[in-house]
Amino acid sequence: MKPLTTMAVGAVVLALGYGAADAQNGRTIRQDRQDVRQDRRELHRDNRDIRQDRRELAGDRRELNQDIRAGRTNEVRQDRRELAGDRRELREDVRDRRDDRRDLHQDRRELAQDERSR
């Protein structure tokens, strides 16, 4: 009787372990999906910021050209400083987008791996 009891207890422990592992896997998948959604939102914001930076850069270039034609040297210096700042912002936003794309790809891989192991 003792070996049968030991086997029954072992089976119950094993079944509970699988149930807990499956519940944990479900939470992991839910978290991975949430991470993917968050990464998509961040990419959307990054793309919006890049478009805005490019519009500002184009406007500053127009102002610079107008000031050069008009011979306003003080404004030309100011416009060049603004252009440098806009370029810096654009580079930062492009870098953020690249990092967010990398995060999105990583989260998609993790989600696919968790779904396969389910």
PDB file of N, CA and C in Angstrom:
ATOM      1  N   MET A   1       0.817  -1.185   0.000  1.00  0.00           N
ATOM      2  CA  MET A   1       0.000   0.000   0.000  1.00  0.00           C
ATOM      3  C   MET A   1       0.860   1.248   0.000  1.00  0.00           C
ATOM      4  N   LYS A   2       1.975   1.204   0.651  1.00  0.00           N
ATOM      5  CA  LYS A   2       2.837   2.365   0.735  1.00  0.00           C
ATOM      6  C   LYS A   2       3.366   2.797  -0.648  1.00  0.00           C
ATOM      7  N   PRO A   3       3.823   1.899  -1.514  1.00  0.00           N
ATOM      8  CA  PRO A   3       4.272   2.340  -2.845  1.00  0.00           C
ATOM      9  C   PRO A   3       3.142   2.980  -3.650  1.00  0.00           C
ATOM     10  N   LEU A   4       1.938   2.473  -3.504  1.00  0.00           N
ATOM     11  CA  LEU A   4       0.801   3.047  -4.227  1.00  0.00           C
ATOM     12  C   LEU A   4       0.494   4.454  -3.729  1.00  0.00           C
ATOM     13  N   THR A   5       0.573   4.676  -2.449  1.00  0.00           N
ATOM     14  CA  THR A   5       0.345   5.998  -1.861  1.00  0.00           C
ATOM     15  C   THR A   5       1.426   6.967  -2.336  1.00  0.00           C
ATOM     16  N   THR A   6       2.658   6.508  -2.350  1.00  0.00           N
ATOM     17  CA  THR A   6       3.765   7.346  -2.810  1.00  0.00           C
ATOM     18  C   THR A   6       3.578   7.732  -4.269  1.00  0.00           C
ATOM     19  N   MET A   7       3.150   6.789  -5.086  1.00  0.00           N
ATOM     20  CA  MET A   7       2.906   7.080  -6.502  1.00  0.00           C
ATOM     21  C   MET A   7       1.756   8.069  -6.666  1.00  0.00           C
ATOM     22  N   ALA A   8       0.714   7.921  -5.867  1.00  0.00           N
ATOM     23  CA  ALA A   8      -0.440   8.828  -5.951  1.00  0.00           C
ATOM     24  C   ALA A   8      -0.036  10.244  -5.554  1.00  0.00           C
ATOM     25  N   VAL A   9       0.735  10.346  -4.476  1.00  0.00           N
ATOM     26  CA  VAL A   9       1.196  11.665  -4.039  1.00  0.00           C
ATOM     27  C   VAL A   9       2.101  12.277  -5.115  1.00  0.00           C
ATOM     28  N   GLY A  10       2.962  11.474  -5.688  1.00  0.00           N
ATOM     29  CA  GLY A  10       3.844  11.952  -6.757  1.00  0.00           C
ATOM     30  C   GLY A  10       3.049  12.434  -7.961  1.00  0.00           C
ATOM     31  N   ALA A  11       1.995  11.716  -8.309  1.00  0.00           N
ATOM     32  CA  ALA A  11       1.162  12.111  -9.451  1.00  0.00           C
ATOM     33  C   ALA A  11       0.453  13.436  -9.172  1.00  0.00           C
ATOM     34  N   VAL A  12      -0.030  13.592  -7.940  1.00  0.00           N
ATOM     35  CA  VAL A  12      -0.711  14.840  -7.575  1.00  0.00           C
ATOM     36  C   VAL A  12       0.266  16.008  -7.625  1.00  0.00           C
ATOM     37  N   VAL A  13       1.454  15.815  -7.080  1.00  0.00           N
ATOM     38  CA  VAL A  13       2.466  16.870  -7.094  1.00  0.00           C
ATOM     39  C   VAL A  13       2.837  17.225  -8.528  1.00  0.00           C
ATOM     40  N   LEU A  14       2.997  16.220  -9.362  1.00  0.00           N
ATOM     41  CA  LEU A  14       3.331  16.452 -10.762  1.00  0.00           C
ATOM     42  C   LEU A  14       2.215  17.219 -11.478  1.00  0.00           C
ATOM     43  N   ALA A  15       0.965  16.833 -11.229  1.00  0.00           N
ATOM     44  CA  ALA A  15      -0.170  17.519 -11.867  1.00  0.00           C
ATOM     45  C   ALA A  15      -0.259  18.965 -11.393  1.00  0.00           C
ATOM     46  N   LEU A  16      -0.070  19.195 -10.108  1.00  0.00           N
ATOM     47  CA  LEU A  16      -0.099  20.566  -9.595  1.00  0.00           C
ATOM     48  C   LEU A  16       1.054  21.386 -10.164  1.00  0.00           C
ATOM     49  N   GLY A  17       2.192  20.762 -10.321  1.00  0.00           N
ATOM     50  CA  GLY A  17       3.345  21.452 -10.913  1.00  0.00           C
ATOM     51  C   GLY A  17       3.071  21.874 -12.341  1.00  0.00           C
ATOM     52  N   TYR A  18       2.466  20.986 -13.126  1.00  0.00           N
ATOM     53  CA  TYR A  18       2.138  21.346 -14.503  1.00  0.00           C
ATOM     54  C   TYR A  18       1.096  22.462 -14.549  1.00  0.00           C
ATOM     55  N   GLY A  19       0.119  22.383 -13.644  1.00  0.00           N
ATOM     56  CA  GLY A  19      -0.904  23.432 -13.594  1.00  0.00           C
ATOM     57  C   GLY A  19      -0.298  24.785 -13.250  1.00  0.00           C
ATOM     58  N   ALA A  20       0.597  24.792 -12.278  1.00  0.00           N
ATOM     59  CA  ALA A  20       1.251  26.042 -11.894  1.00  0.00           C
ATOM     60  C   ALA A  20       2.145  26.556 -13.012  1.00  0.00           C
ATOM     61  N   ALA A  21       2.835  25.643 -13.680  1.00  0.00           N
ATOM     62  CA  ALA A  21       3.709  26.056 -14.787  1.00  0.00           C
ATOM     63  C   ALA A  21       2.881  26.636 -15.928  1.00  0.00           C
ATOM     64  N   ASP A  22       1.733  26.023 -16.195  1.00  0.00           N
ATOM     65  CA  ASP A  22       0.877  26.536 -17.260  1.00  0.00           C
ATOM     66  C   ASP A  22       0.325  27.908 -16.904  1.00  0.00           C
ATOM     67  N   ALA A  23      -0.045  28.105 -15.641  1.00  0.00           N
ATOM     68  CA  ALA A  23      -0.540  29.419 -15.210  1.00  0.00           C
ATOM     69  C   ALA A  23       0.569  30.456 -15.322  1.00  0.00           C
ATOM     70  N   GLN A  24       1.782  30.074 -14.928  1.00  0.00           N
ATOM     71  CA  GLN A  24       2.921  30.991 -15.048  1.00  0.00           C
ATOM     72  C   GLN A  24       3.177  31.326 -16.510  1.00  0.00           C
ATOM     73  N   ASN A  25       3.092  30.327 -17.382  1.00  0.00           N
ATOM     74  CA  ASN A  25       3.301  30.562 -18.805  1.00  0.00           C
ATOM     75  C   ASN A  25       2.234  31.503 -19.356  1.00  0.00           C
ATOM     76  N   GLY A  26       1.000  31.370 -18.879  1.00  0.00           N
ATOM     77  CA  GLY A  26      -0.070  32.270 -19.310  1.00  0.00           C
ATOM     78  C   GLY A  26       0.213  33.708 -18.904  1.00  0.00           C
ATOM     79  N   ARG A  27       0.725  33.895 -17.684  1.00  0.00           N
ATOM     80  CA  ARG A  27       1.087  35.239 -17.244  1.00  0.00           C
ATOM     81  C   ARG A  27       2.247  35.780 -18.068  1.00  0.00           C
ATOM     82  N   THR A  28       3.190  34.914 -18.383  1.00  0.00           N
ATOM     83  CA  THR A  28       4.342  35.335 -19.182  1.00  0.00           C
ATOM     84  C   THR A  28       3.895  35.768 -20.573  1.00  0.00           C
ATOM     85  N   ILE A  29       3.013  35.012 -21.176  1.00  0.00           N
ATOM     86  CA  ILE A  29       2.513  35.360 -22.515  1.00  0.00           C
ATOM     87  C   ILE A  29       1.757  36.679 -22.459  1.00  0.00           C
ATOM     88  N   ARG A  30       0.935  36.855 -21.444  1.00  0.00           N
ATOM     89  CA  ARG A  30       0.178  38.106 -21.305  1.00  0.00           C
ATOM     90  C   ARG A  30       1.135  39.291 -21.154  1.00  0.00           C
ATOM     91  N   GLN A  31       2.186  39.114 -20.360  1.00  0.00           N
ATOM     92  CA  GLN A  31       3.183  40.170 -20.173  1.00  0.00           C
ATOM     93  C   GLN A  31       3.923  40.456 -21.484  1.00  0.00           C
ATOM     94  N   ASP A  32       4.266  39.405 -22.226  1.00  0.00           N
ATOM     95  CA  ASP A  32       4.952  39.597 -23.513  1.00  0.00           C
ATOM     96  C   ASP A  32       4.068  40.365 -24.491  1.00  0.00           C
ATOM     97  N   ARG A  33       2.799  40.048 -24.509  1.00  0.00           N
ATOM     98  CA  ARG A  33       1.878  40.771 -25.397  1.00  0.00           C
ATOM     99  C   ARG A  33       1.785  42.239 -25.005  1.00  0.00           C
ATOM    100  N   GLN A  34       1.752  42.487 -23.703  1.00  0.00           N
ATOM    101  CA  GLN A  34       1.708  43.867 -23.228  1.00  0.00           C
ATOM    102  C   GLN A  34       2.992  44.601 -23.621  1.00  0.00           C
ATOM    103  N   ASP A  35       4.133  43.928 -23.523  1.00  0.00           N
ATOM    104  CA  ASP A  35       5.406  44.533 -23.918  1.00  0.00           C
ATOM    105  C   ASP A  35       5.406  44.887 -25.407  1.00  0.00           C
ATOM    106  N   VAL A  36       4.872  44.001 -26.230  1.00  0.00           N
ATOM    107  CA  VAL A  36       4.809  44.258 -27.674  1.00  0.00           C
ATOM    108  C   VAL A  36       3.929  45.474 -27.951  1.00  0.00           C
ATOM    109  N   ARG A  37       2.774  45.555 -27.277  1.00  0.00           N
ATOM    110  CA  ARG A  37       1.889  46.718 -27.484  1.00  0.00           C
ATOM    111  C   ARG A  37       2.587  48.012 -27.060  1.00  0.00           C
ATOM    112  N   GLN A  38       3.279  47.966 -25.931  1.00  0.00           N
ATOM    113  CA  GLN A  38       3.994  49.156 -25.457  1.00  0.00           C
ATOM    114  C   GLN A  38       5.091  49.558 -26.443  1.00  0.00           C
ATOM    115  N   ASP A  39       5.818  48.589 -26.971  1.00  0.00           N
ATOM    116  CA  ASP A  39       6.868  48.895 -27.942  1.00  0.00           C
ATOM    117  C   ASP A  39       6.281  49.521 -29.208  1.00  0.00           C
ATOM    118  N   ARG A  40       5.131  49.046 -29.631  1.00  0.00           N
ATOM    119  CA  ARG A  40       4.482  49.633 -30.816  1.00  0.00           C
ATOM    120  C   ARG A  40       4.090  51.084 -30.556  1.00  0.00           C
ATOM    121  N   ARG A  41       3.565  51.350 -29.350  1.00  0.00           N
ATOM    122  CA  ARG A  41       3.201  52.733 -29.008  1.00  0.00           C
ATOM    123  C   ARG A  41       4.442  53.633 -29.003  1.00  0.00           C
ATOM    124  N   GLU A  42       5.529  53.124 -28.455  1.00  0.00           N
ATOM    125  CA  GLU A  42       6.765  53.913 -28.423  1.00  0.00           C
ATOM    126  C   GLU A  42       7.283  54.172 -29.837  1.00  0.00           C
ATOM    127  N   LEU A  43       7.203  53.175 -30.707  1.00  0.00           N
ATOM    128  CA  LEU A  43       7.618  53.384 -32.097  1.00  0.00           C
ATOM    129  C   LEU A  43       6.754  54.441 -32.773  1.00  0.00           C
ATOM    130  N   HIS A  44       5.457  54.404 -32.513  1.00  0.00           N
ATOM    131  CA  HIS A  44       4.553  55.395 -33.084  1.00  0.00           C
ATOM    132  C   HIS A  44       4.948  56.802 -32.625  1.00  0.00           C
ATOM    133  N   ARG A  45       5.236  56.949 -31.333  1.00  0.00           N
ATOM    134  CA  ARG A  45       5.660  58.255 -30.809  1.00  0.00           C
ATOM    135  C   ARG A  45       6.997  58.681 -31.411  1.00  0.00           C
ATOM    136  N   ASP A  46       7.922  57.738 -31.551  1.00  0.00           N
ATOM    137  CA  ASP A  46       9.220  58.065 -32.139  1.00  0.00           C
ATOM    138  C   ASP A  46       9.062  58.542 -33.578  1.00  0.00           C
ATOM    139  N   ASN A  47       8.231  57.855 -34.354  1.00  0.00           N
ATOM    140  CA  ASN A  47       8.011  58.266 -35.743  1.00  0.00           C
ATOM    141  C   ASN A  47       7.383  59.655 -35.811  1.00  0.00           C
ATOM    142  N   ARG A  48       6.441  59.924 -34.911  1.00  0.00           N
ATOM    143  CA  ARG A  48       5.824  61.249 -34.859  1.00  0.00           C
ATOM    144  C   ARG A  48       6.860  62.315 -34.523  1.00  0.00           C
ATOM    145  N   ASP A  49       7.727  62.020 -33.548  1.00  0.00           N
ATOM    146  CA  ASP A  49       8.775  62.972 -33.161  1.00  0.00           C
ATOM    147  C   ASP A  49       9.751  63.223 -34.311  1.00  0.00           C
ATOM    148  N   ILE A  50      10.091  62.186 -35.041  1.00  0.00           N
ATOM    149  CA  ILE A  50      11.017  62.337 -36.172  1.00  0.00           C
ATOM    150  C   ILE A  50      10.393  63.204 -37.253  1.00  0.00           C
ATOM    151  N   ARG A  51       9.117  62.971 -37.555  1.00  0.00           N
ATOM    152  CA  ARG A  51       8.451  63.819 -38.553  1.00  0.00           C
ATOM    153  C   ARG A  51       8.452  65.282 -38.114  1.00  0.00           C
ATOM    154  N   GLN A  52       8.168  65.522 -36.835  1.00  0.00           N
ATOM    155  CA  GLN A  52       8.162  66.896 -36.308  1.00  0.00           C
ATOM    156  C   GLN A  52       9.561  67.507 -36.389  1.00  0.00           C
ATOM    157  N   ASP A  53      10.582  66.742 -36.015  1.00  0.00           N
ATOM    158  CA  ASP A  53      11.953  67.247 -36.095  1.00  0.00           C
ATOM    159  C   ASP A  53      12.322  67.620 -37.528  1.00  0.00           C
ATOM    160  N   ARG A  54      11.912  66.808 -38.470  1.00  0.00           N
ATOM    161  CA  ARG A  54      12.225  67.097 -39.883  1.00  0.00           C
ATOM    162  C   ARG A  54      11.504  68.349 -40.370  1.00  0.00           C
ATOM    163  N   ARG A  55      10.260  68.547 -39.910  1.00  0.00           N
ATOM    164  CA  ARG A  55       9.538  69.775 -40.280  1.00  0.00           C
ATOM    165  C   ARG A  55      10.241  70.998 -39.705  1.00  0.00           C
ATOM    166  N   GLU A  56      10.659  70.905 -38.435  1.00  0.00           N
ATOM    167  CA  GLU A  56      11.361  72.034 -37.808  1.00  0.00           C
ATOM    168  C   GLU A  56      12.685  72.300 -38.517  1.00  0.00           C
ATOM    169  N   LEU A  57      13.382  71.267 -38.888  1.00  0.00           N
ATOM    170  CA  LEU A  57      14.652  71.408 -39.597  1.00  0.00           C
ATOM    171  C   LEU A  57      14.446  72.112 -40.936  1.00  0.00           C
ATOM    172  N   ALA A  58      13.402  71.720 -41.649  1.00  0.00           N
ATOM    173  CA  ALA A  58      13.115  72.362 -42.937  1.00  0.00           C
ATOM    174  C   ALA A  58      12.769  73.841 -42.743  1.00  0.00           C
ATOM    175  N   GLY A  59      11.980  74.151 -41.721  1.00  0.00           N
ATOM    176  CA  GLY A  59      11.631  75.552 -41.451  1.00  0.00           C
ATOM    177  C   GLY A  59      12.857  76.380 -41.083  1.00  0.00           C
ATOM    178  N   ASP A  60      13.750  75.815 -40.275  1.00  0.00           N
ATOM    179  CA  ASP A  60      14.967  76.539 -39.901  1.00  0.00           C
ATOM    180  C   ASP A  60      15.885  76.753 -41.105  1.00  0.00           C
ATOM    181  N   ARG A  61      15.909  75.783 -41.998  1.00  0.00           N
ATOM    182  CA  ARG A  61      16.712  75.956 -43.221  1.00  0.00           C
ATOM    183  C   ARG A  61      16.167  77.099 -44.082  1.00  0.00           C
ATOM    184  N   ARG A  62      14.833  77.166 -44.175  1.00  0.00           N
ATOM    185  CA  ARG A  62      14.223  78.265 -44.945  1.00  0.00           C
ATOM    186  C   ARG A  62      14.570  79.611 -44.313  1.00  0.00           C
ATOM    187  N   GLU A  63      14.469  79.690 -42.995  1.00  0.00           N
ATOM    188  CA  GLU A  63      14.812  80.944 -42.310  1.00  0.00           C
ATOM    189  C   GLU A  63      16.277  81.304 -42.526  1.00  0.00           C
ATOM    190  N   LEU A  64      17.143  80.308 -42.456  1.00  0.00           N
ATOM    191  CA  LEU A  64      18.570  80.558 -42.673  1.00  0.00           C
ATOM    192  C   LEU A  64      18.805  81.113 -44.074  1.00  0.00           C
ATOM    193  N   ASN A  65      18.207  80.490 -45.071  1.00  0.00           N
ATOM    194  CA  ASN A  65      18.384  80.968 -46.447  1.00  0.00           C
ATOM    195  C   ASN A  65      17.853  82.388 -46.620  1.00  0.00           C
ATOM    196  N   GLN A  66      16.722  82.694 -46.004  1.00  0.00           N
ATOM    197  CA  GLN A  66      16.173  84.044 -46.095  1.00  0.00           C
ATOM    198  C   GLN A  66      17.100  85.058 -45.425  1.00  0.00           C
ATOM    199  N   ASP A  67      17.640  84.695 -44.272  1.00  0.00           N
ATOM    200  CA  ASP A  67      18.542  85.603 -43.559  1.00  0.00           C
ATOM    201  C   ASP A  67      19.854  85.789 -44.313  1.00  0.00           C
ATOM    202  N   ILE A  68      20.331  84.739 -44.954  1.00  0.00           N
ATOM    203  CA  ILE A  68      21.564  84.860 -45.759  1.00  0.00           C
ATOM    204  C   ILE A  68      21.322  85.814 -46.918  1.00  0.00           C
ATOM    205  N   ARG A  69      20.186  85.642 -47.620  1.00  0.00           N
ATOM    206  CA  ARG A  69      19.873  86.521 -48.764  1.00  0.00           C
ATOM    207  C   ARG A  69      19.717  87.974 -48.330  1.00  0.00           C
ATOM    208  N   ALA A  70      19.140  88.157 -47.128  1.00  0.00           N
ATOM    209  CA  ALA A  70      18.901  89.521 -46.644  1.00  0.00           C
ATOM    210  C   ALA A  70      20.151  90.117 -45.998  1.00  0.00           C
ATOM    211  N   GLY A  71      21.181  89.326 -45.768  1.00  0.00           N
ATOM    212  CA  GLY A  71      22.417  89.836 -45.191  1.00  0.00           C
ATOM    213  C   GLY A  71      22.343  90.069 -43.690  1.00  0.00           C
ATOM    214  N   ARG A  72      21.469  89.368 -42.977  1.00  0.00           N
ATOM    215  CA  ARG A  72      21.336  89.521 -41.524  1.00  0.00           C
ATOM    216  C   ARG A  72      22.276  88.531 -40.836  1.00  0.00           C
ATOM    217  N   THR A  73      23.490  88.980 -40.522  1.00  0.00           N
ATOM    218  CA  THR A  73      24.518  88.072 -40.001  1.00  0.00           C
ATOM    219  C   THR A  73      24.193  87.549 -38.597  1.00  0.00           C
ATOM    220  N   ASN A  74      23.639  88.384 -37.734  1.00  0.00           N
ATOM    221  CA  ASN A  74      23.292  87.911 -36.385  1.00  0.00           C
ATOM    222  C   ASN A  74      22.222  86.820 -36.434  1.00  0.00           C
ATOM    223  N   GLU A  75      21.237  87.019 -37.295  1.00  0.00           N
ATOM    224  CA  GLU A  75      20.180  86.017 -37.432  1.00  0.00           C
ATOM    225  C   GLU A  75      20.710  84.741 -38.071  1.00  0.00           C
ATOM    226  N   VAL A  76      21.682  84.890 -38.985  1.00  0.00           N
ATOM    227  CA  VAL A  76      22.288  83.714 -39.612  1.00  0.00           C
ATOM    228  C   VAL A  76      22.961  82.852 -38.546  1.00  0.00           C
ATOM    229  N   ARG A  77      23.710  83.483 -37.635  1.00  0.00           N
ATOM    230  CA  ARG A  77      24.359  82.731 -36.547  1.00  0.00           C
ATOM    231  C   ARG A  77      23.329  82.012 -35.683  1.00  0.00           C
ATOM    232  N   GLN A  78      22.271  82.739 -35.351  1.00  0.00           N
ATOM    233  CA  GLN A  78      21.210  82.141 -34.526  1.00  0.00           C
ATOM    234  C   GLN A  78      20.548  80.972 -35.261  1.00  0.00           C
ATOM    235  N   ASP A  79      20.270  81.151 -36.547  1.00  0.00           N
ATOM    236  CA  ASP A  79      19.644  80.083 -37.330  1.00  0.00           C
ATOM    237  C   ASP A  79      20.538  78.846 -37.394  1.00  0.00           C
ATOM    238  N   ARG A  80      21.841  79.056 -37.518  1.00  0.00           N
ATOM    239  CA  ARG A  80      22.768  77.916 -37.568  1.00  0.00           C
ATOM    240  C   ARG A  80      22.797  77.168 -36.231  1.00  0.00           C
ATOM    241  N   ARG A  81      22.712  77.898 -35.131  1.00  0.00           N
ATOM    242  CA  ARG A  81      22.640  77.236 -33.817  1.00  0.00           C
ATOM    243  C   ARG A  81      21.349  76.418 -33.697  1.00  0.00           C
ATOM    244  N   GLU A  82      20.251  76.989 -34.160  1.00  0.00           N
ATOM    245  CA  GLU A  82      18.979  76.266 -34.122  1.00  0.00           C
ATOM    246  C   GLU A  82      19.031  75.017 -34.999  1.00  0.00           C
ATOM    247  N   LEU A  83      19.656  75.150 -36.170  1.00  0.00           N
ATOM    248  CA  LEU A  83      19.793  73.982 -37.055  1.00  0.00           C
ATOM    249  C   LEU A  83      20.602  72.883 -36.373  1.00  0.00           C
ATOM    250  N   ALA A  84      21.683  73.258 -35.709  1.00  0.00           N
ATOM    251  CA  ALA A  84      22.514  72.266 -35.019  1.00  0.00           C
ATOM    252  C   ALA A  84      21.698  71.557 -33.933  1.00  0.00           C
ATOM    253  N   GLY A  85      20.914  72.320 -33.193  1.00  0.00           N
ATOM    254  CA  GLY A  85      20.069  71.720 -32.151  1.00  0.00           C
ATOM    255  C   GLY A  85      19.016  70.794 -32.737  1.00  0.00           C
ATOM    256  N   ASP A  86      18.408  71.216 -33.848  1.00  0.00           N
ATOM    257  CA  ASP A  86      17.395  70.379 -34.493  1.00  0.00           C
ATOM    258  C   ASP A  86      18.008  69.084 -35.028  1.00  0.00           C
ATOM    259  N   ARG A  87      19.199  69.168 -35.587  1.00  0.00           N
ATOM    260  CA  ARG A  87      19.880  67.957 -36.081  1.00  0.00           C
ATOM    261  C   ARG A  87      20.183  66.998 -34.929  1.00  0.00           C
ATOM    262  N   ARG A  88      20.613  67.568 -33.809  1.00  0.00           N
ATOM    263  CA  ARG A  88      20.910  66.747 -32.632  1.00  0.00           C
ATOM    264  C   ARG A  88      19.638  66.029 -32.149  1.00  0.00           C
ATOM    265  N   GLU A  89      18.537  66.761 -32.078  1.00  0.00           N
ATOM    266  CA  GLU A  89      17.267  66.148 -31.668  1.00  0.00           C
ATOM    267  C   GLU A  89      16.851  65.046 -32.627  1.00  0.00           C
ATOM    268  N   LEU A  90      17.020  65.297 -33.923  1.00  0.00           N
ATOM    269  CA  LEU A  90      16.657  64.292 -34.923  1.00  0.00           C
ATOM    270  C   LEU A  90      17.496  63.032 -34.744  1.00  0.00           C
ATOM    271  N   ARG A  91      18.811  63.194 -34.541  1.00  0.00           N
ATOM    272  CA  ARG A  91      19.673  62.023 -34.332  1.00  0.00           C
ATOM    273  C   ARG A  91      19.248  61.240 -33.090  1.00  0.00           C
ATOM    274  N   GLU A  92      18.907  61.961 -32.018  1.00  0.00           N
ATOM    275  CA  GLU A  92      18.470  61.288 -30.788  1.00  0.00           C
ATOM    276  C   GLU A  92      17.176  60.513 -31.017  1.00  0.00           C
ATOM    277  N   ASP A  93      16.235  61.117 -31.741  1.00  0.00           N
ATOM    278  CA  ASP A  93      14.963  60.443 -31.995  1.00  0.00           C
ATOM    279  C   ASP A  93      15.149  59.239 -32.904  1.00  0.00           C
ATOM    280  N   VAL A  94      16.025  59.349 -33.887  1.00  0.00           N
ATOM    281  CA  VAL A  94      16.302  58.207 -34.769  1.00  0.00           C
ATOM    282  C   VAL A  94      16.945  57.079 -33.956  1.00  0.00           C
ATOM    283  N   ARG A  95      17.840  57.424 -33.056  1.00  0.00           N
ATOM    284  CA  ARG A  95      18.474  56.421 -32.186  1.00  0.00           C
ATOM    285  C   ARG A  95      17.427  55.756 -31.289  1.00  0.00           C
ATOM    286  N   ASP A  96      16.512  56.551 -30.735  1.00  0.00           N
ATOM    287  CA  ASP A  96      15.442  55.988 -29.903  1.00  0.00           C
ATOM    288  C   ASP A  96      14.581  55.022 -30.711  1.00  0.00           C
ATOM    289  N   ARG A  97      14.261  55.399 -31.940  1.00  0.00           N
ATOM    290  CA  ARG A  97      13.441  54.535 -32.787  1.00  0.00           C
ATOM    291  C   ARG A  97      14.157  53.214 -33.062  1.00  0.00           C
ATOM    292  N   ARG A  98      15.451  53.294 -33.338  1.00  0.00           N
ATOM    293  CA  ARG A  98      16.226  52.084 -33.591  1.00  0.00           C
ATOM    294  C   ARG A  98      16.212  51.167 -32.362  1.00  0.00           C
ATOM    295  N   ASP A  99      16.414  51.758 -31.189  1.00  0.00           N
ATOM    296  CA  ASP A  99      16.401  50.969 -29.950  1.00  0.00           C
ATOM    297  C   ASP A  99      15.020  50.358 -29.702  1.00  0.00           C
ATOM    298  N   ASP A 100      13.962  51.133 -29.968  1.00  0.00           N
ATOM    299  CA  ASP A 100      12.613  50.623 -29.754  1.00  0.00           C
ATOM    300  C   ASP A 100      12.276  49.517 -30.747  1.00  0.00           C
ATOM    301  N   ARG A 101      12.767  49.624 -31.973  1.00  0.00           N
ATOM    302  CA  ARG A 101      12.572  48.534 -32.942  1.00  0.00           C
ATOM    303  C   ARG A 101      13.253  47.262 -32.467  1.00  0.00           C
ATOM    304  N   ARG A 102      14.457  47.410 -31.948  1.00  0.00           N
ATOM    305  CA  ARG A 102      15.186  46.256 -31.429  1.00  0.00           C
ATOM    306  C   ARG A 102      14.399  45.625 -30.274  1.00  0.00           C
ATOM    307  N   ASP A 103      13.868  46.459 -29.386  1.00  0.00           N
ATOM    308  CA  ASP A 103      13.065  45.945 -28.268  1.00  0.00           C
ATOM    309  C   ASP A 103      11.821  45.216 -28.776  1.00  0.00           C
ATOM    310  N   LEU A 104      11.172  45.786 -29.786  1.00  0.00           N
ATOM    311  CA  LEU A 104       9.971  45.167 -30.331  1.00  0.00           C
ATOM    312  C   LEU A 104      10.292  43.793 -30.914  1.00  0.00           C
ATOM    313  N   HIS A 105      11.371  43.698 -31.676  1.00  0.00           N
ATOM    314  CA  HIS A 105      11.748  42.408 -32.268  1.00  0.00           C
ATOM    315  C   HIS A 105      12.070  41.391 -31.173  1.00  0.00           C
ATOM    316  N   GLN A 106      12.770  41.828 -30.149  1.00  0.00           N
ATOM    317  CA  GLN A 106      13.102  40.926 -29.038  1.00  0.00           C
ATOM    318  C   GLN A 106      11.844  40.450 -28.329  1.00  0.00           C
ATOM    319  N   ASP A 107      10.909  41.363 -28.065  1.00  0.00           N
ATOM    320  CA  ASP A 107       9.668  40.982 -27.382  1.00  0.00           C
ATOM    321  C   ASP A 107       8.820  40.054 -28.243  1.00  0.00           C
ATOM    322  N   ARG A 108       8.822  40.271 -29.559  1.00  0.00           N
ATOM    323  CA  ARG A 108       8.089  39.366 -30.450  1.00  0.00           C
ATOM    324  C   ARG A 108       8.703  37.967 -30.427  1.00  0.00           C
ATOM    325  N   ARG A 109      10.035  37.899 -30.415  1.00  0.00           N
ATOM    326  CA  ARG A 109      10.702  36.589 -30.340  1.00  0.00           C
ATOM    327  C   ARG A 109      10.355  35.886 -29.027  1.00  0.00           C
ATOM    328  N   GLU A 110      10.379  36.623 -27.918  1.00  0.00           N
ATOM    329  CA  GLU A 110      10.048  36.022 -26.627  1.00  0.00           C
ATOM    330  C   GLU A 110       8.603  35.539 -26.596  1.00  0.00           C
ATOM    331  N   LEU A 111       7.694  36.321 -27.166  1.00  0.00           N
ATOM    332  CA  LEU A 111       6.291  35.924 -27.209  1.00  0.00           C
ATOM    333  C   LEU A 111       6.127  34.641 -28.021  1.00  0.00           C
ATOM    334  N   ALA A 112       6.766  34.594 -29.179  1.00  0.00           N
ATOM    335  CA  ALA A 112       6.656  33.396 -30.030  1.00  0.00           C
ATOM    336  C   ALA A 112       7.245  32.187 -29.307  1.00  0.00           C
ATOM    337  N   GLN A 113       8.346  32.373 -28.635  1.00  0.00           N
ATOM    338  CA  GLN A 113       8.959  31.264 -27.906  1.00  0.00           C
ATOM    339  C   GLN A 113       8.054  30.781 -26.775  1.00  0.00           C
ATOM    340  N   ASP A 114       7.433  31.704 -26.050  1.00  0.00           N
ATOM    341  CA  ASP A 114       6.537  31.320 -24.957  1.00  0.00           C
ATOM    342  C   ASP A 114       5.286  30.635 -25.489  1.00  0.00           C
ATOM    343  N   GLU A 115       4.792  31.104 -26.632  1.00  0.00           N
ATOM    344  CA  GLU A 115       3.600  30.460 -27.202  1.00  0.00           C
ATOM    345  C   GLU A 115       3.913  29.065 -27.695  1.00  0.00           C
ATOM    346  N   ARG A 116       5.122  28.853 -28.223  1.00  0.00           N
ATOM    347  CA  ARG A 116       5.519  27.505 -28.674  1.00  0.00           C
ATOM    348  C   ARG A 116       5.664  26.552 -27.499  1.00  0.00           C
ATOM    349  N   SER A 117       6.162  27.060 -26.372  1.00  0.00           N
ATOM    350  CA  SER A 117       6.406  26.186 -25.225  1.00  0.00           C
ATOM    351  C   SER A 117       5.147  25.893 -24.421  1.00  0.00           C
ATOM    352  N   ARG A 118       4.069  26.512 -24.796  1.00  0.00           N
ATOM    353  CA  ARG A 118       2.809  26.350 -24.071  1.00  0.00           C
ATOM    354  C   ARG A 118       2.228  25.014 -24.287  1.00  0.00           C
TER     355      ARG A 118
END
